[in-house]
Structures are given as C-alpha cells and as structure tokens.
C-alpha cells in the first residue's frame, strides 16, 4: 500500500510519526476545539491512541487523516484528510473530508487549504466518486470551509447522537470553477 504526503503553499499534510501525539494534544486536549466535533477533551494517552487509529486507517485503506504541519514552523496544528464512515446511514459516499485544528490556527485559511488538498488527493489520486463532510448545524466556520471547497448542502440527520448537517461533492464537479486551489505537490512517501 502506498503512503502519501501533500505539500501546499503553507502546510505539509504528512503521515503520522512517533511523538506526534504531543503536538496533536494541543488540539485534542482543548475542550472548545473538541466540543465542535462532539467529543470531550482527551488526555495525552487518548490522543496517542487517536494517532494510532489514524495511522491504522492509512495502512488498512490507503488514505486517512494527515498530520497538519505548518511549513514555516514545522509545528503540528491539527489533522485534516479523509475518513471512512462505514456506519454512515445514507446512500452515497461514506468517505468524509474533515479537519480539526488547534485554536491558534483558526481563521488563517488552513482548514480550507488542507481540505482542498485532501479533495484533490481523493479525486485525482484515489479516483473516489464522491466525498461528503458533516458538522453541527451551528458550526458556521466549518460550513463555510465546505462551501469554499465546492461542497453543497445535502441535508440534516442525527448521527452518533448529534444533529449533523452534511454536504457533498461529486468527482465530476471537482475542481469547482470558482474555487481557488492551492498549489500542491502530492508525493509518494513509501509502501507499507
């Protein structure tokens, strides 16, 4: 199985490394950040376990959540990428594009830049037919990211005991005509 990294103008979306849970814990240990995804803030061991799950997702499926690293500082500021939801109750895509960034990275366009790079990977490398994204209805920031990436609202539902609004984009609609795409370099980094 091939593993990938993506370099954009300001970010490196890379595979997880030993010790990355320390950097990710600035995100996963923050109650305000985690509240938006319907989870409690975790301790360092639970963040390490989450990194292990994300790494395993890559090894099993050939895609997953990337560690998001700022190019200028080499600091991990969160995660972004693709995640399979086998229990997604609706017809259509079961692969979500998602992001969770530490608060210091909010409002800088990193979620949009990383999500667009992940969508490019999903459609141009993996050739997936459709990608969805979901969030709480009151999460205006994430909804705006979805719209900037060309996803359109498809409906609302309850999923994992949370009310969610969901958006999607079809491969034939990628890239959106009016969306600025970041310069990106997708490269293979190894075989597993």
N, C-alpha and C. Protein backbone atom coordinates (compact mmCIF):
# COMPACT_ATOMS: atom_id res chain seq x y z
N UNK A 1 0.84 -1.17 0.00
CA UNK A 1 0.00 0.00 0.00
C UNK A 1 0.89 1.24 0.00
N UNK A 2 0.56 2.19 -0.85
CA UNK A 2 1.33 3.41 -0.98
C UNK A 2 0.87 4.46 0.03
N UNK A 3 1.82 5.14 0.64
CA UNK A 3 1.53 6.25 1.55
C UNK A 3 1.92 7.55 0.86
N UNK A 4 1.22 8.62 1.21
CA UNK A 4 1.39 9.90 0.54
C UNK A 4 1.58 11.04 1.53
N UNK A 5 2.17 12.12 1.02
CA UNK A 5 2.21 13.41 1.69
C UNK A 5 1.84 14.47 0.67
N UNK A 6 1.31 15.58 1.16
CA UNK A 6 0.94 16.69 0.28
C UNK A 6 1.55 17.96 0.86
N UNK A 7 2.23 18.69 0.00
CA UNK A 7 2.77 19.98 0.40
C UNK A 7 1.98 21.06 -0.33
N UNK A 8 1.46 22.02 0.43
CA UNK A 8 0.74 23.16 -0.14
C UNK A 8 1.56 24.42 0.12
N UNK A 9 0.97 25.56 -0.18
CA UNK A 9 1.68 26.83 -0.01
C UNK A 9 2.16 27.03 1.42
N UNK A 10 1.33 26.67 2.41
CA UNK A 10 1.67 26.95 3.80
C UNK A 10 1.72 25.72 4.70
N UNK A 11 1.30 24.57 4.17
CA UNK A 11 1.14 23.38 5.00
C UNK A 11 1.87 22.18 4.43
N UNK A 12 2.19 21.25 5.31
CA UNK A 12 2.61 19.91 4.92
C UNK A 12 1.60 18.96 5.54
N UNK A 13 0.90 18.21 4.70
CA UNK A 13 -0.01 17.17 5.16
C UNK A 13 0.78 15.88 5.06
N UNK A 14 1.11 15.33 6.21
CA UNK A 14 2.06 14.21 6.20
C UNK A 14 1.56 13.04 7.03
N UNK A 15 2.27 11.93 6.89
CA UNK A 15 1.98 10.74 7.67
C UNK A 15 2.36 11.00 9.14
N UNK A 16 1.71 10.25 10.01
CA UNK A 16 1.95 10.39 11.44
C UNK A 16 3.29 9.75 11.82
N UNK A 17 3.98 10.40 12.76
CA UNK A 17 5.28 9.92 13.24
C UNK A 17 5.20 9.71 14.75
N UNK A 18 6.14 8.91 15.25
CA UNK A 18 6.23 8.73 16.70
C UNK A 18 6.37 10.09 17.37
N UNK A 19 5.60 10.29 18.42
CA UNK A 19 5.67 11.53 19.17
C UNK A 19 4.72 12.61 18.68
N UNK A 20 4.06 12.42 17.54
CA UNK A 20 3.15 13.44 17.02
C UNK A 20 1.97 13.69 17.96
N UNK A 21 1.66 12.73 18.80
CA UNK A 21 0.53 12.91 19.71
C UNK A 21 0.76 14.09 20.66
N UNK A 22 2.01 14.43 20.94
CA UNK A 22 2.30 15.58 21.81
C UNK A 22 1.82 16.86 21.14
N UNK A 23 2.15 17.04 19.86
CA UNK A 23 1.69 18.22 19.12
C UNK A 23 0.19 18.22 18.91
N UNK A 24 -0.37 17.05 18.59
CA UNK A 24 -1.81 16.97 18.35
C UNK A 24 -2.60 17.21 19.64
N UNK A 25 -1.98 16.97 20.77
CA UNK A 25 -2.68 17.15 22.04
C UNK A 25 -3.06 18.61 22.29
N UNK A 26 -2.37 19.56 21.66
CA UNK A 26 -2.78 20.96 21.75
C UNK A 26 -4.18 21.14 21.14
N UNK A 27 -4.54 20.27 20.23
CA UNK A 27 -5.87 20.27 19.62
C UNK A 27 -6.82 19.39 20.42
N UNK A 28 -6.45 18.13 20.61
CA UNK A 28 -7.33 17.16 21.25
C UNK A 28 -7.53 17.39 22.75
N UNK A 29 -6.64 18.14 23.36
CA UNK A 29 -6.77 18.44 24.79
C UNK A 29 -7.54 19.71 25.08
N UNK A 30 -8.04 20.38 24.04
CA UNK A 30 -8.74 21.66 24.19
C UNK A 30 -10.26 21.42 24.17
N UNK A 31 -10.96 21.66 25.28
CA UNK A 31 -12.41 21.39 25.33
C UNK A 31 -13.21 22.18 24.28
N UNK A 32 -12.80 23.41 23.98
CA UNK A 32 -13.54 24.19 22.98
C UNK A 32 -13.41 23.57 21.59
N UNK A 33 -12.21 23.16 21.22
CA UNK A 33 -12.00 22.53 19.91
C UNK A 33 -12.80 21.24 19.84
N UNK A 34 -12.66 20.40 20.83
CA UNK A 34 -13.28 19.07 20.78
C UNK A 34 -14.80 19.14 20.87
N UNK A 35 -15.32 20.18 21.51
CA UNK A 35 -16.76 20.35 21.58
C UNK A 35 -17.41 20.47 20.21
N UNK A 36 -16.68 21.04 19.24
CA UNK A 36 -17.23 21.17 17.89
C UNK A 36 -17.35 19.84 17.17
N UNK A 37 -16.59 18.83 17.59
CA UNK A 37 -16.71 17.53 16.94
C UNK A 37 -17.43 16.51 17.83
N UNK A 38 -18.00 17.01 18.90
CA UNK A 38 -18.82 16.14 19.75
C UNK A 38 -18.04 15.19 20.62
N UNK A 39 -16.87 15.62 21.04
CA UNK A 39 -16.04 14.76 21.89
C UNK A 39 -15.53 15.58 23.07
N UNK A 40 -15.22 14.88 24.13
CA UNK A 40 -14.61 15.53 25.28
C UNK A 40 -13.12 15.72 25.02
N UNK A 41 -12.54 16.72 25.63
CA UNK A 41 -11.09 16.89 25.55
C UNK A 41 -10.43 15.65 26.14
N UNK A 42 -9.38 15.21 25.49
CA UNK A 42 -8.71 13.99 25.93
C UNK A 42 -7.42 14.27 26.66
N UNK A 43 -6.91 13.23 27.30
CA UNK A 43 -5.60 13.32 27.91
C UNK A 43 -4.56 12.85 26.88
N UNK A 44 -3.29 12.92 27.24
CA UNK A 44 -2.23 12.56 26.31
C UNK A 44 -2.32 11.10 25.84
N UNK A 45 -2.59 10.13 26.73
CA UNK A 45 -2.73 8.75 26.24
C UNK A 45 -3.88 8.57 25.24
N UNK A 46 -5.00 9.26 25.43
CA UNK A 46 -6.10 9.11 24.47
C UNK A 46 -5.75 9.78 23.14
N UNK A 47 -4.97 10.85 23.18
CA UNK A 47 -4.51 11.46 21.94
C UNK A 47 -3.55 10.52 21.21
N UNK A 48 -2.67 9.87 21.95
CA UNK A 48 -1.76 8.89 21.34
C UNK A 48 -2.55 7.75 20.70
N UNK A 49 -3.61 7.30 21.36
CA UNK A 49 -4.45 6.23 20.79
C UNK A 49 -5.13 6.71 19.52
N UNK A 50 -5.56 7.98 19.48
CA UNK A 50 -6.19 8.52 18.27
C UNK A 50 -5.20 8.55 17.11
N UNK A 51 -3.96 8.93 17.38
CA UNK A 51 -2.93 8.92 16.34
C UNK A 51 -2.73 7.49 15.84
N UNK A 52 -2.73 6.53 16.74
CA UNK A 52 -2.61 5.12 16.33
C UNK A 52 -3.76 4.69 15.43
N UNK A 53 -4.98 5.10 15.76
CA UNK A 53 -6.14 4.76 14.91
C UNK A 53 -6.03 5.41 13.53
N UNK A 54 -5.58 6.67 13.50
CA UNK A 54 -5.45 7.35 12.21
C UNK A 54 -4.36 6.70 11.36
N UNK A 55 -3.26 6.28 11.98
CA UNK A 55 -2.20 5.58 11.25
C UNK A 55 -2.69 4.25 10.71
N UNK A 56 -3.47 3.54 11.51
CA UNK A 56 -4.00 2.25 11.07
C UNK A 56 -4.99 2.42 9.92
N UNK A 57 -5.79 3.47 9.95
CA UNK A 57 -6.72 3.78 8.86
C UNK A 57 -5.95 3.86 7.54
N UNK A 58 -4.82 4.57 7.55
CA UNK A 58 -3.97 4.66 6.36
C UNK A 58 -3.51 3.28 5.92
N UNK A 59 -3.02 2.50 6.85
CA UNK A 59 -2.46 1.20 6.50
C UNK A 59 -3.51 0.24 5.96
N UNK A 60 -4.72 0.34 6.47
CA UNK A 60 -5.79 -0.56 6.01
C UNK A 60 -6.43 -0.12 4.71
N UNK A 61 -6.57 1.20 4.50
CA UNK A 61 -7.38 1.69 3.39
C UNK A 61 -6.61 2.49 2.34
N UNK A 62 -5.39 2.91 2.65
CA UNK A 62 -4.61 3.68 1.69
C UNK A 62 -4.94 5.16 1.66
N UNK A 63 -5.69 5.63 2.63
CA UNK A 63 -5.97 7.05 2.82
C UNK A 63 -6.34 7.25 4.27
N UNK A 64 -6.42 8.51 4.68
CA UNK A 64 -6.78 8.79 6.06
C UNK A 64 -6.54 10.24 6.41
N UNK A 65 -6.48 10.49 7.69
CA UNK A 65 -6.20 11.81 8.21
C UNK A 65 -4.70 12.03 8.21
N UNK A 66 -4.30 13.18 7.70
CA UNK A 66 -2.91 13.60 7.72
C UNK A 66 -2.63 14.40 8.99
N UNK A 67 -1.40 14.35 9.45
CA UNK A 67 -0.92 15.34 10.42
C UNK A 67 -0.74 16.64 9.64
N UNK A 68 -1.24 17.75 10.18
CA UNK A 68 -1.11 19.06 9.53
C UNK A 68 0.04 19.80 10.20
N UNK A 69 1.04 20.11 9.40
CA UNK A 69 2.23 20.80 9.89
C UNK A 69 2.36 22.13 9.17
N UNK A 70 2.56 23.21 9.91
CA UNK A 70 2.86 24.49 9.28
C UNK A 70 4.25 24.40 8.65
N UNK A 71 4.35 24.81 7.40
CA UNK A 71 5.65 24.76 6.72
C UNK A 71 6.66 25.68 7.38
N UNK A 72 6.22 26.86 7.82
CA UNK A 72 7.16 27.84 8.35
C UNK A 72 7.73 27.46 9.72
N UNK A 73 6.93 26.80 10.56
CA UNK A 73 7.37 26.48 11.92
C UNK A 73 7.64 25.00 12.14
N UNK A 74 7.12 24.15 11.23
CA UNK A 74 7.17 22.68 11.38
C UNK A 74 6.40 22.21 12.60
N UNK A 75 5.47 23.03 13.07
CA UNK A 75 4.64 22.69 14.22
C UNK A 75 3.35 22.00 13.75
N UNK A 76 2.95 20.95 14.44
CA UNK A 76 1.67 20.30 14.15
C UNK A 76 0.56 21.17 14.69
N UNK A 77 -0.41 21.48 13.82
CA UNK A 77 -1.52 22.34 14.23
C UNK A 77 -2.86 21.61 14.14
N UNK A 78 -2.84 20.29 13.88
CA UNK A 78 -4.10 19.54 13.84
C UNK A 78 -4.03 18.38 12.87
N UNK A 79 -5.23 18.05 12.36
CA UNK A 79 -5.36 16.96 11.41
C UNK A 79 -6.33 17.37 10.32
N UNK A 80 -6.14 16.82 9.13
CA UNK A 80 -7.06 17.03 8.02
C UNK A 80 -6.90 15.85 7.07
N UNK A 81 -7.99 15.49 6.41
CA UNK A 81 -7.89 14.39 5.46
C UNK A 81 -9.20 13.68 5.27
N UNK A 82 -9.10 12.38 4.99
CA UNK A 82 -10.24 11.56 4.62
C UNK A 82 -10.46 10.47 5.66
N UNK A 83 -11.73 10.18 5.91
CA UNK A 83 -12.07 9.16 6.89
C UNK A 83 -13.28 8.37 6.40
N UNK A 84 -13.17 7.06 6.44
CA UNK A 84 -14.29 6.18 6.10
C UNK A 84 -15.25 6.10 7.28
N UNK A 85 -16.54 6.25 6.99
CA UNK A 85 -17.59 6.05 7.98
C UNK A 85 -18.46 4.89 7.50
N UNK A 86 -18.11 3.65 7.83
CA UNK A 86 -18.88 2.51 7.34
C UNK A 86 -20.31 2.49 7.87
N UNK A 87 -20.58 3.21 8.95
CA UNK A 87 -21.92 3.24 9.53
C UNK A 87 -22.72 4.46 9.11
N UNK A 88 -22.24 5.22 8.12
CA UNK A 88 -22.98 6.37 7.62
C UNK A 88 -24.31 5.87 7.09
N UNK A 89 -25.44 6.39 7.57
CA UNK A 89 -26.74 5.77 7.29
C UNK A 89 -27.37 6.12 5.94
N UNK A 90 -26.79 7.04 5.19
CA UNK A 90 -27.41 7.47 3.94
C UNK A 90 -26.75 6.80 2.74
N UNK A 91 -27.49 6.74 1.64
CA UNK A 91 -26.92 6.28 0.39
C UNK A 91 -25.87 7.28 -0.06
N UNK A 92 -24.92 6.82 -0.81
CA UNK A 92 -23.91 7.74 -1.33
C UNK A 92 -22.58 7.54 -0.65
N UNK A 93 -21.80 8.60 -0.57
CA UNK A 93 -20.42 8.45 -0.11
C UNK A 93 -20.36 8.07 1.37
N UNK A 94 -19.33 7.33 1.68
CA UNK A 94 -19.07 7.00 3.07
C UNK A 94 -17.70 7.52 3.49
N UNK A 95 -17.05 8.25 2.59
CA UNK A 95 -15.75 8.84 2.89
C UNK A 95 -15.95 10.33 3.09
N UNK A 96 -15.50 10.80 4.26
CA UNK A 96 -15.66 12.19 4.65
C UNK A 96 -14.33 12.93 4.54
N UNK A 97 -14.38 14.17 4.10
CA UNK A 97 -13.24 15.07 4.27
C UNK A 97 -13.51 15.85 5.55
N UNK A 98 -12.51 15.89 6.41
CA UNK A 98 -12.69 16.55 7.70
C UNK A 98 -11.42 17.20 8.18
N UNK A 99 -11.55 18.00 9.22
CA UNK A 99 -10.43 18.75 9.78
C UNK A 99 -10.72 19.06 11.23
N UNK A 100 -9.66 19.12 12.01
CA UNK A 100 -9.71 19.58 13.39
C UNK A 100 -8.38 20.27 13.64
N UNK A 101 -8.45 21.56 13.91
CA UNK A 101 -7.24 22.36 14.09
C UNK A 101 -7.23 23.01 15.47
N UNK A 102 -6.02 23.22 16.01
CA UNK A 102 -5.91 23.91 17.28
C UNK A 102 -6.37 25.35 17.10
N UNK A 103 -6.84 25.95 18.19
CA UNK A 103 -7.43 27.29 18.12
C UNK A 103 -6.48 28.34 17.54
N UNK A 104 -5.19 28.22 17.80
CA UNK A 104 -4.25 29.21 17.27
C UNK A 104 -4.19 29.19 15.75
N UNK A 105 -4.68 28.13 15.13
CA UNK A 105 -4.69 28.02 13.66
C UNK A 105 -6.03 28.43 13.05
N UNK A 106 -7.03 28.72 13.86
CA UNK A 106 -8.33 29.11 13.35
C UNK A 106 -8.25 30.47 12.65
N UNK A 107 -9.06 30.65 11.63
CA UNK A 107 -9.16 31.93 10.95
C UNK A 107 -8.01 32.25 10.01
N UNK A 108 -7.16 31.30 9.73
CA UNK A 108 -5.99 31.54 8.88
C UNK A 108 -6.13 30.87 7.50
N UNK A 109 -7.26 30.19 7.28
CA UNK A 109 -7.47 29.52 5.99
C UNK A 109 -6.84 28.15 5.89
N UNK A 110 -6.28 27.64 6.99
CA UNK A 110 -5.63 26.33 6.95
C UNK A 110 -6.62 25.20 6.70
N UNK A 111 -7.81 25.28 7.29
CA UNK A 111 -8.79 24.20 7.08
C UNK A 111 -9.18 24.13 5.61
N UNK A 112 -9.41 25.28 4.99
CA UNK A 112 -9.77 25.29 3.57
C UNK A 112 -8.61 24.79 2.71
N UNK A 113 -7.41 25.25 2.98
CA UNK A 113 -6.23 24.82 2.21
C UNK A 113 -6.02 23.32 2.33
N UNK A 114 -6.11 22.80 3.55
CA UNK A 114 -5.92 21.37 3.76
C UNK A 114 -7.05 20.53 3.19
N UNK A 115 -8.29 21.03 3.32
CA UNK A 115 -9.43 20.29 2.77
C UNK A 115 -9.38 20.23 1.26
N UNK A 116 -9.02 21.34 0.60
CA UNK A 116 -8.91 21.33 -0.85
C UNK A 116 -7.81 20.37 -1.31
N UNK A 117 -6.70 20.35 -0.60
CA UNK A 117 -5.63 19.40 -0.94
C UNK A 117 -6.10 17.96 -0.75
N UNK A 118 -6.86 17.71 0.32
CA UNK A 118 -7.39 16.36 0.56
C UNK A 118 -8.39 15.96 -0.50
N UNK A 119 -9.22 16.90 -0.95
CA UNK A 119 -10.17 16.60 -2.02
C UNK A 119 -9.43 16.32 -3.33
N UNK A 120 -8.40 17.09 -3.62
CA UNK A 120 -7.59 16.81 -4.80
C UNK A 120 -7.01 15.41 -4.75
N UNK A 121 -6.52 15.01 -3.59
CA UNK A 121 -5.99 13.66 -3.41
C UNK A 121 -7.10 12.62 -3.61
N UNK A 122 -8.27 12.87 -3.04
CA UNK A 122 -9.39 11.92 -3.14
C UNK A 122 -9.82 11.70 -4.58
N UNK A 123 -9.91 12.78 -5.34
CA UNK A 123 -10.42 12.68 -6.70
C UNK A 123 -9.34 12.38 -7.73
N UNK A 124 -8.17 12.99 -7.61
CA UNK A 124 -7.14 12.85 -8.64
C UNK A 124 -6.24 11.64 -8.45
N UNK A 125 -6.04 11.20 -7.21
CA UNK A 125 -5.18 10.04 -6.95
C UNK A 125 -6.00 8.79 -6.66
N UNK A 126 -6.98 8.91 -5.76
CA UNK A 126 -7.78 7.75 -5.37
C UNK A 126 -8.96 7.50 -6.31
N UNK A 127 -9.35 8.50 -7.08
CA UNK A 127 -10.47 8.41 -8.03
C UNK A 127 -11.78 8.01 -7.35
N UNK A 128 -12.00 8.55 -6.16
CA UNK A 128 -13.25 8.29 -5.45
C UNK A 128 -14.39 9.03 -6.16
N UNK A 129 -15.61 8.48 -6.17
CA UNK A 129 -16.70 9.10 -6.92
C UNK A 129 -17.34 10.30 -6.22
N UNK A 130 -17.30 10.33 -4.90
CA UNK A 130 -17.98 11.39 -4.16
C UNK A 130 -17.39 11.46 -2.76
N UNK A 131 -17.36 12.66 -2.19
CA UNK A 131 -16.88 12.88 -0.82
C UNK A 131 -17.92 13.71 -0.09
N UNK A 132 -18.13 13.40 1.18
CA UNK A 132 -19.05 14.21 1.98
C UNK A 132 -18.30 14.83 3.14
N UNK A 133 -18.97 15.74 3.82
CA UNK A 133 -18.46 16.34 5.04
C UNK A 133 -19.65 16.65 5.93
N UNK A 134 -19.43 16.64 7.23
CA UNK A 134 -20.53 16.91 8.16
C UNK A 134 -20.04 17.75 9.32
N UNK A 135 -21.00 18.45 9.92
CA UNK A 135 -20.71 19.23 11.11
C UNK A 135 -22.02 19.54 11.82
N UNK A 136 -21.91 20.09 13.02
CA UNK A 136 -23.11 20.56 13.72
C UNK A 136 -23.71 21.73 12.93
N UNK A 137 -25.02 21.85 12.91
CA UNK A 137 -25.64 22.94 12.16
C UNK A 137 -25.17 24.33 12.56
N UNK A 138 -24.77 24.52 13.83
CA UNK A 138 -24.34 25.84 14.28
C UNK A 138 -22.85 26.12 14.06
N UNK A 139 -22.14 25.21 13.40
CA UNK A 139 -20.71 25.40 13.16
C UNK A 139 -20.51 26.16 11.84
N UNK A 140 -20.71 27.47 11.91
CA UNK A 140 -20.65 28.32 10.71
C UNK A 140 -19.27 28.28 10.06
N UNK A 141 -18.21 28.18 10.84
CA UNK A 141 -16.86 28.15 10.27
C UNK A 141 -16.64 26.92 9.39
N UNK A 142 -17.01 25.75 9.90
CA UNK A 142 -16.81 24.54 9.11
C UNK A 142 -17.73 24.52 7.89
N UNK A 143 -18.93 25.01 8.05
CA UNK A 143 -19.84 25.07 6.90
C UNK A 143 -19.26 25.98 5.82
N UNK A 144 -18.65 27.09 6.22
CA UNK A 144 -18.03 27.99 5.24
C UNK A 144 -16.86 27.31 4.53
N UNK A 145 -16.07 26.50 5.26
CA UNK A 145 -14.98 25.75 4.63
C UNK A 145 -15.56 24.81 3.58
N UNK A 146 -16.61 24.09 3.93
CA UNK A 146 -17.23 23.16 2.98
C UNK A 146 -17.65 23.89 1.71
N UNK A 147 -18.28 25.04 1.87
CA UNK A 147 -18.76 25.79 0.72
C UNK A 147 -17.60 26.33 -0.11
N UNK A 148 -16.53 26.80 0.54
CA UNK A 148 -15.36 27.28 -0.21
C UNK A 148 -14.71 26.15 -1.00
N UNK A 149 -14.88 24.92 -0.54
CA UNK A 149 -14.31 23.76 -1.22
C UNK A 149 -15.23 23.20 -2.31
N UNK A 150 -16.39 23.80 -2.49
CA UNK A 150 -17.29 23.36 -3.54
C UNK A 150 -18.31 22.33 -3.13
N UNK A 151 -18.35 21.94 -1.85
CA UNK A 151 -19.37 21.01 -1.39
C UNK A 151 -20.70 21.74 -1.28
N UNK A 152 -21.78 21.05 -1.54
CA UNK A 152 -23.11 21.64 -1.43
C UNK A 152 -23.90 20.91 -0.36
N UNK A 153 -24.77 21.66 0.32
CA UNK A 153 -25.56 21.08 1.40
C UNK A 153 -26.53 20.05 0.84
N UNK A 154 -26.59 18.89 1.51
CA UNK A 154 -27.46 17.80 1.07
C UNK A 154 -28.56 17.48 2.08
N UNK A 155 -28.42 17.93 3.34
CA UNK A 155 -29.47 17.66 4.31
C UNK A 155 -28.97 17.66 5.74
N UNK A 156 -29.86 17.23 6.64
CA UNK A 156 -29.53 17.11 8.07
C UNK A 156 -29.97 15.74 8.55
N UNK A 157 -29.31 15.25 9.58
CA UNK A 157 -29.68 13.99 10.19
C UNK A 157 -29.03 13.90 11.56
N UNK A 158 -29.44 12.91 12.33
CA UNK A 158 -28.77 12.61 13.59
C UNK A 158 -27.80 11.47 13.33
N UNK A 159 -26.55 11.67 13.75
CA UNK A 159 -25.50 10.67 13.55
C UNK A 159 -24.65 10.63 14.80
N UNK A 160 -24.54 9.46 15.39
CA UNK A 160 -23.80 9.27 16.65
C UNK A 160 -24.31 10.22 17.74
N UNK A 161 -25.62 10.33 17.81
CA UNK A 161 -26.32 11.12 18.84
C UNK A 161 -26.13 12.63 18.70
N UNK A 162 -25.68 13.08 17.56
CA UNK A 162 -25.52 14.51 17.30
C UNK A 162 -26.28 14.87 16.04
N UNK A 163 -26.95 16.02 16.07
CA UNK A 163 -27.57 16.52 14.85
C UNK A 163 -26.45 17.03 13.95
N UNK A 164 -26.47 16.60 12.70
CA UNK A 164 -25.43 16.96 11.75
C UNK A 164 -26.05 17.53 10.48
N UNK A 165 -25.40 18.51 9.89
CA UNK A 165 -25.71 18.96 8.54
C UNK A 165 -24.62 18.36 7.67
N UNK A 166 -25.01 17.84 6.50
CA UNK A 166 -24.00 17.21 5.66
C UNK A 166 -24.00 17.83 4.26
N UNK A 167 -22.80 17.89 3.72
CA UNK A 167 -22.51 18.45 2.41
C UNK A 167 -21.80 17.37 1.61
N UNK A 168 -21.77 17.51 0.28
CA UNK A 168 -21.04 16.55 -0.56
C UNK A 168 -20.62 17.21 -1.86
N UNK A 169 -19.66 16.56 -2.51
CA UNK A 169 -19.22 16.97 -3.85
C UNK A 169 -18.92 15.71 -4.64
N UNK A 170 -19.33 15.73 -5.90
CA UNK A 170 -19.08 14.61 -6.82
C UNK A 170 -17.78 14.85 -7.57
N UNK A 171 -17.13 13.78 -7.96
CA UNK A 171 -15.87 13.88 -8.69
C UNK A 171 -16.03 14.72 -9.96
N UNK A 172 -17.16 14.59 -10.64
CA UNK A 172 -17.37 15.34 -11.88
C UNK A 172 -17.41 16.85 -11.64
N UNK A 173 -17.67 17.27 -10.40
CA UNK A 173 -17.74 18.69 -10.07
C UNK A 173 -16.43 19.24 -9.50
N UNK A 174 -15.39 18.40 -9.51
CA UNK A 174 -14.09 18.82 -8.97
C UNK A 174 -13.14 19.11 -10.11
N UNK A 175 -12.37 20.17 -10.08
CA UNK A 175 -12.44 21.23 -9.08
C UNK A 175 -13.55 22.22 -9.40
N UNK A 176 -14.10 22.87 -8.38
CA UNK A 176 -15.13 23.88 -8.63
C UNK A 176 -14.56 25.01 -9.48
N UNK A 177 -15.35 25.49 -10.40
CA UNK A 177 -14.86 26.53 -11.32
C UNK A 177 -14.42 27.80 -10.61
N UNK A 178 -15.11 28.19 -9.56
CA UNK A 178 -14.81 29.46 -8.91
C UNK A 178 -13.93 29.33 -7.68
N UNK A 179 -13.42 28.13 -7.41
CA UNK A 179 -12.61 27.92 -6.20
C UNK A 179 -11.13 28.07 -6.52
N UNK A 180 -10.46 28.86 -5.72
CA UNK A 180 -9.00 28.98 -5.83
C UNK A 180 -8.39 27.72 -5.21
N UNK A 181 -7.63 26.98 -5.99
CA UNK A 181 -6.97 25.78 -5.47
C UNK A 181 -5.54 26.14 -5.06
N UNK A 182 -5.12 25.66 -3.91
CA UNK A 182 -3.74 25.93 -3.51
C UNK A 182 -2.77 25.16 -4.40
N UNK A 183 -1.58 25.73 -4.59
CA UNK A 183 -0.54 24.94 -5.25
C UNK A 183 -0.26 23.76 -4.34
N UNK A 184 -0.16 22.60 -4.94
CA UNK A 184 0.12 21.44 -4.10
C UNK A 184 0.97 20.44 -4.84
N UNK A 185 1.75 19.73 -4.06
CA UNK A 185 2.61 18.68 -4.57
C UNK A 185 2.26 17.41 -3.79
N UNK A 186 1.65 16.44 -4.48
CA UNK A 186 1.31 15.16 -3.85
C UNK A 186 2.43 14.20 -4.19
N UNK A 187 3.03 13.60 -3.16
CA UNK A 187 4.14 12.68 -3.43
C UNK A 187 3.99 11.39 -2.62
N UNK A 188 4.46 10.33 -3.21
CA UNK A 188 4.51 9.05 -2.52
C UNK A 188 5.68 9.08 -1.55
N UNK A 189 5.43 8.56 -0.35
CA UNK A 189 6.50 8.57 0.66
C UNK A 189 6.88 7.17 1.12
N UNK A 190 6.27 6.18 0.53
CA UNK A 190 6.65 4.82 0.92
C UNK A 190 5.56 3.82 0.66
N UNK A 191 5.92 2.60 0.83
CA UNK A 191 5.00 1.48 0.68
C UNK A 191 4.92 0.76 2.01
N UNK A 192 3.73 0.30 2.33
CA UNK A 192 3.55 -0.47 3.58
C UNK A 192 2.95 -1.80 3.23
